Amino acid sequence: MPLRDFFRAPGQTRLAKGEILLAIWVKKPRGFNLHHFEKVGRRNALACSLVSLAALLAVSDAAVVEKATLAWGSVGPGIVTAPEVQRALAGKKRSRNTLEAAAAEVRKAVPSIADVRGSADYRRTVAGNLLLRLLCYV
C-alpha cells in the first residue's frame, strides 16, 4: 500500500491487531536531481519533529523547476501535500522570489496542528520557510 495510506493519524497505522511490519520497499524516484529532507525539532536526535519537509525537484540546467513533489510531516493529522504549490512551481525558475511566493501558499495550504511542542502558526511559518532551504542545494 502507498505510504500515505499506511498512516491514519498520529500514532495510528493500518496495521491490524497482531500484525507487524517486516519491510518497506521504496522505489528510487526517477527524473529528480534535487532531493532534500529536513526536520525541525528541539534537538537533532531522538525527538519528535515540529515540522519536516521531504522534497524532490527536477531542475533544468537553466534552474527552471520542471517538476516538484513536496510533503510535510508533523503539521497535520498525517502527511500533508500541497499539489497546487507543486503545480505553481513547475515552469518557474528556482529563485528566492519563486520560493518565497510558494512558501506563502504553503502557509495557507498547511492545516497545521498545535500541541505542547509548537503552535499552529509557528508550524505554518516553518513549513513555508523550509521551502527556502531549496535554494541552498545544487
C-alpha atoms as a PDB file:
ATOM      1  CA  MET A   1       0.000   0.000   0.000  1.00  0.00           C
ATOM      2  CA  PRO A   2       1.213   3.534  -0.586  1.00  0.00           C
ATOM      3  CA  LEU A   3       2.894   5.102   2.435  1.00  0.00           C
ATOM      4  CA  ARG A   4       0.330   7.918   2.509  1.00  0.00           C
ATOM      5  CA  ASP A   5      -2.378   5.295   3.102  1.00  0.00           C
ATOM      6  CA  PHE A   6      -0.455   3.429   5.806  1.00  0.00           C
ATOM      7  CA  PHE A   7      -0.667   6.217   8.374  1.00  0.00           C
ATOM      8  CA  ARG A   8      -4.165   7.004   9.685  1.00  0.00           C
ATOM      9  CA  ALA A   9      -3.391   9.641  12.303  1.00  0.00           C
ATOM     10  CA  PRO A  10      -0.589  10.439  14.737  1.00  0.00           C
ATOM     11  CA  GLY A  11       0.421   7.156  16.332  1.00  0.00           C
ATOM     12  CA  GLN A  12      -2.101   5.162  14.260  1.00  0.00           C
ATOM     13  CA  THR A  13      -1.363   2.949  11.273  1.00  0.00           C
ATOM     14  CA  ARG A  14      -3.277   0.465   9.138  1.00  0.00           C
ATOM     15  CA  LEU A  15      -1.652  -2.466  10.935  1.00  0.00           C
ATOM     16  CA  ALA A  16      -4.285  -4.818  12.333  1.00  0.00           C
ATOM     17  CA  LYS A  17      -4.021  -6.189  15.836  1.00  0.00           C
ATOM     18  CA  GLY A  18      -1.240  -8.770  15.929  1.00  0.00           C
ATOM     19  CA  GLU A  19       0.352  -7.670  12.623  1.00  0.00           C
ATOM     20  CA  ILE A  20       3.956  -6.497  12.453  1.00  0.00           C
ATOM     21  CA  LEU A  21       5.742  -4.564   9.745  1.00  0.00           C
ATOM     22  CA  LEU A  22       8.604  -6.618   8.321  1.00  0.00           C
ATOM     23  CA  ALA A  23       9.839  -4.487   5.460  1.00  0.00           C
ATOM     24  CA  ILE A  24       9.342  -1.326   3.486  1.00  0.00           C
ATOM     25  CA  TRP A  25      10.165  -1.155  -0.219  1.00  0.00           C
ATOM     26  CA  VAL A  26      10.763   2.257  -1.671  1.00  0.00           C
ATOM     27  CA  LYS A  27      11.229   2.769  -5.386  1.00  0.00           C
ATOM     28  CA  LYS A  28      14.007   5.195  -6.150  1.00  0.00           C
ATOM     29  CA  PRO A  29      12.365   8.258  -7.664  1.00  0.00           C
ATOM     30  CA  ARG A  30      13.462   8.844 -11.234  1.00  0.00           C
ATOM     31  CA  GLY A  31      13.780  12.136 -13.015  1.00  0.00           C
ATOM     32  CA  PHE A  32      14.620  14.244  -9.962  1.00  0.00           C
ATOM     33  CA  ASN A  33      18.017  15.853  -9.459  1.00  0.00           C
ATOM     34  CA  LEU A  34      17.357  17.630  -6.159  1.00  0.00           C
ATOM     35  CA  HIS A  35      16.449  15.526  -3.128  1.00  0.00           C
ATOM     36  CA  HIS A  36      16.066  17.147   0.269  1.00  0.00           C
ATOM     37  CA  PHE A  37      14.707  16.170   3.671  1.00  0.00           C
ATOM     38  CA  GLU A  38      14.804  18.419   6.680  1.00  0.00           C
ATOM     39  CA  LYS A  39      13.385  18.085  10.162  1.00  0.00           C
ATOM     40  CA  VAL A  40      12.923  20.949  12.580  1.00  0.00           C
ATOM     41  CA  GLY A  41      12.801  19.887  16.212  1.00  0.00           C
ATOM     42  CA  ARG A  42      14.016  20.787  19.636  1.00  0.00           C
ATOM     43  CA  ARG A  43      17.073  18.529  19.238  1.00  0.00           C
ATOM     44  CA  ASN A  44      18.790  16.746  16.369  1.00  0.00           C
ATOM     45  CA  ALA A  45      18.070  13.198  17.522  1.00  0.00           C
ATOM     46  CA  LEU A  46      15.524  11.211  19.496  1.00  0.00           C
ATOM     47  CA  ALA A  47      12.946  13.971  19.379  1.00  0.00           C
ATOM     48  CA  CYS A  48       9.597  14.355  17.668  1.00  0.00           C
ATOM     49  CA  SER A  49       9.756  16.847  14.853  1.00  0.00           C
ATOM     50  CA  LEU A  50       7.853  20.099  14.932  1.00  0.00           C
ATOM     51  CA  VAL A  51       7.828  20.237  11.126  1.00  0.00           C
ATOM     52  CA  SER A  52       9.550  18.233   8.408  1.00  0.00           C
ATOM     53  CA  LEU A  53       9.764  18.579   4.645  1.00  0.00           C
ATOM     54  CA  ALA A  54      10.602  15.959   2.045  1.00  0.00           C
ATOM     55  CA  ALA A  55      11.219  17.498  -1.371  1.00  0.00           C
ATOM     56  CA  LEU A  56      12.012  16.130  -4.811  1.00  0.00           C
ATOM     57  CA  LEU A  57      12.642  18.576  -7.641  1.00  0.00           C
ATOM     58  CA  ALA A  58      13.558  18.160 -11.270  1.00  0.00           C
ATOM     59  CA  VAL A  59      15.518  21.297 -12.085  1.00  0.00           C
ATOM     60  CA  SER A  60      16.892  22.090 -15.544  1.00  0.00           C
ATOM     61  CA  ASP A  61      20.391  23.390 -16.251  1.00  0.00           C
ATOM     62  CA  ALA A  62      18.773  26.824 -16.561  1.00  0.00           C
ATOM     63  CA  ALA A  63      17.447  26.470 -12.956  1.00  0.00           C
ATOM     64  CA  VAL A  64      13.824  26.016 -14.079  1.00  0.00           C
ATOM     65  CA  VAL A  65      11.742  23.692 -11.917  1.00  0.00           C
ATOM     66  CA  GLU A  66      10.327  21.075 -14.272  1.00  0.00           C
ATOM     67  CA  LYS A  67       8.563  19.033 -11.594  1.00  0.00           C
ATOM     68  CA  ALA A  68       8.192  19.182  -7.804  1.00  0.00           C
ATOM     69  CA  THR A  69       6.975  16.703  -5.219  1.00  0.00           C
ATOM     70  CA  LEU A  70       6.641  18.063  -1.680  1.00  0.00           C
ATOM     71  CA  ALA A  71       5.401  16.516   1.572  1.00  0.00           C
ATOM     72  CA  TRP A  72       5.312  17.909   5.103  1.00  0.00           C
ATOM     73  CA  GLY A  73       5.194  15.982   8.348  1.00  0.00           C
ATOM     74  CA  SER A  74       4.043  16.970  11.851  1.00  0.00           C
ATOM     75  CA  VAL A  75       1.820  19.779  10.563  1.00  0.00           C
ATOM     76  CA  GLY A  76      -1.446  17.852  10.346  1.00  0.00           C
ATOM     77  CA  PRO A  77      -3.026  14.569  11.292  1.00  0.00           C
ATOM     78  CA  GLY A  78      -1.000  12.806   8.576  1.00  0.00           C
ATOM     79  CA  ILE A  79       1.390  13.534   5.750  1.00  0.00           C
ATOM     80  CA  VAL A  80       0.433  16.847   4.136  1.00  0.00           C
ATOM     81  CA  THR A  81       0.932  17.635   0.460  1.00  0.00           C
ATOM     82  CA  ALA A  82       0.138  20.785  -1.467  1.00  0.00           C
ATOM     83  CA  PRO A  83      -0.444  19.827  -5.120  1.00  0.00           C
ATOM     84  CA  GLU A  84      -1.325  23.414  -6.008  1.00  0.00           C
ATOM     85  CA  VAL A  85       2.100  24.571  -4.788  1.00  0.00           C
ATOM     86  CA  GLN A  86       3.837  21.789  -6.738  1.00  0.00           C
ATOM     87  CA  ARG A  87       1.990  22.814  -9.912  1.00  0.00           C
ATOM     88  CA  ALA A  88       2.747  26.509  -9.285  1.00  0.00           C
ATOM     89  CA  LEU A  89       6.487  25.791  -9.073  1.00  0.00           C
ATOM     90  CA  ALA A  90       6.563  23.912 -12.388  1.00  0.00           C
ATOM     91  CA  GLY A  91       7.926  26.051 -15.205  1.00  0.00           C
ATOM     92  CA  LYS A  92       9.355  28.721 -12.908  1.00  0.00           C
ATOM     93  CA  LYS A  93      12.983  29.484 -12.178  1.00  0.00           C
ATOM     94  CA  ARG A  94      14.203  28.195  -8.826  1.00  0.00           C
ATOM     95  CA  SER A  95      14.816  31.595  -7.285  1.00  0.00           C
ATOM     96  CA  ARG A  96      14.250  33.299  -3.975  1.00  0.00           C
ATOM     97  CA  ASN A  97      11.189  35.150  -5.338  1.00  0.00           C
ATOM     98  CA  THR A  98       9.626  31.950  -6.682  1.00  0.00           C
ATOM     99  CA  LEU A  99      10.201  30.035  -3.457  1.00  0.00           C
ATOM    100  CA  GLU A 100       9.002  32.932  -1.281  1.00  0.00           C
ATOM    101  CA  ALA A 101       5.727  33.045  -3.249  1.00  0.00           C
ATOM    102  CA  ALA A 102       5.386  29.261  -2.914  1.00  0.00           C
ATOM    103  CA  ALA A 103       6.146  29.484   0.823  1.00  0.00           C
ATOM    104  CA  ALA A 104       3.293  31.964   1.266  1.00  0.00           C
ATOM    105  CA  GLU A 105       0.952  29.489  -0.448  1.00  0.00           C
ATOM    106  CA  VAL A 106       2.209  26.636   1.728  1.00  0.00           C
ATOM    107  CA  ARG A 107       1.388  28.641   4.853  1.00  0.00           C
ATOM    108  CA  LYS A 108      -2.213  28.890   3.612  1.00  0.00           C
ATOM    109  CA  ALA A 109      -2.449  25.253   2.478  1.00  0.00           C
ATOM    110  CA  VAL A 110      -0.968  23.537   5.526  1.00  0.00           C
ATOM    111  CA  PRO A 111      -3.744  22.783   8.030  1.00  0.00           C
ATOM    112  CA  SER A 112      -1.320  22.613  10.972  1.00  0.00           C
ATOM    113  CA  ILE A 113      -1.850  21.370  14.444  1.00  0.00           C
ATOM    114  CA  ALA A 114      -0.967  22.831  17.815  1.00  0.00           C
ATOM    115  CA  ASP A 115       0.380  20.882  20.747  1.00  0.00           C
ATOM    116  CA  VAL A 116       2.895  21.260  23.561  1.00  0.00           C
ATOM    117  CA  ARG A 117       5.769  21.243  21.031  1.00  0.00           C
ATOM    118  CA  GLY A 118       4.580  24.188  18.940  1.00  0.00           C
ATOM    119  CA  SER A 119       1.694  26.406  17.895  1.00  0.00           C
ATOM    120  CA  ALA A 120      -0.185  26.077  14.608  1.00  0.00           C
ATOM    121  CA  ASP A 121       1.117  29.486  13.447  1.00  0.00           C
ATOM    122  CA  TYR A 122       4.713  28.511  14.196  1.00  0.00           C
ATOM    123  CA  ARG A 123       4.328  25.244  12.275  1.00  0.00           C
ATOM    124  CA  ARG A 124       2.768  27.033   9.272  1.00  0.00           C
ATOM    125  CA  THR A 125       5.604  29.557   9.236  1.00  0.00           C
ATOM    126  CA  VAL A 126       8.292  26.871   9.427  1.00  0.00           C
ATOM    127  CA  ALA A 127       6.551  24.724   6.782  1.00  0.00           C
ATOM    128  CA  GLY A 128       6.782  27.628   4.349  1.00  0.00           C
ATOM    129  CA  ASN A 129      10.290  28.604   5.378  1.00  0.00           C
ATOM    130  CA  LEU A 130      11.612  25.097   4.744  1.00  0.00           C
ATOM    131  CA  LEU A 131      10.959  25.651   1.035  1.00  0.00           C
ATOM    132  CA  LEU A 132      13.505  28.469   1.067  1.00  0.00           C
ATOM    133  CA  ARG A 133      16.187  25.941   2.013  1.00  0.00           C
ATOM    134  CA  LEU A 134      15.853  24.521  -1.506  1.00  0.00           C
ATOM    135  CA  LEU A 135      17.955  27.486  -2.676  1.00  0.00           C
ATOM    136  CA  CYS A 136      20.982  26.038  -0.857  1.00  0.00           C
ATOM    137  CA  TYR A 137      21.249  22.886  -2.952  1.00  0.00           C
ATOM    138  CA  VAL A 138      22.532  22.328  -6.470  1.00  0.00           C
END
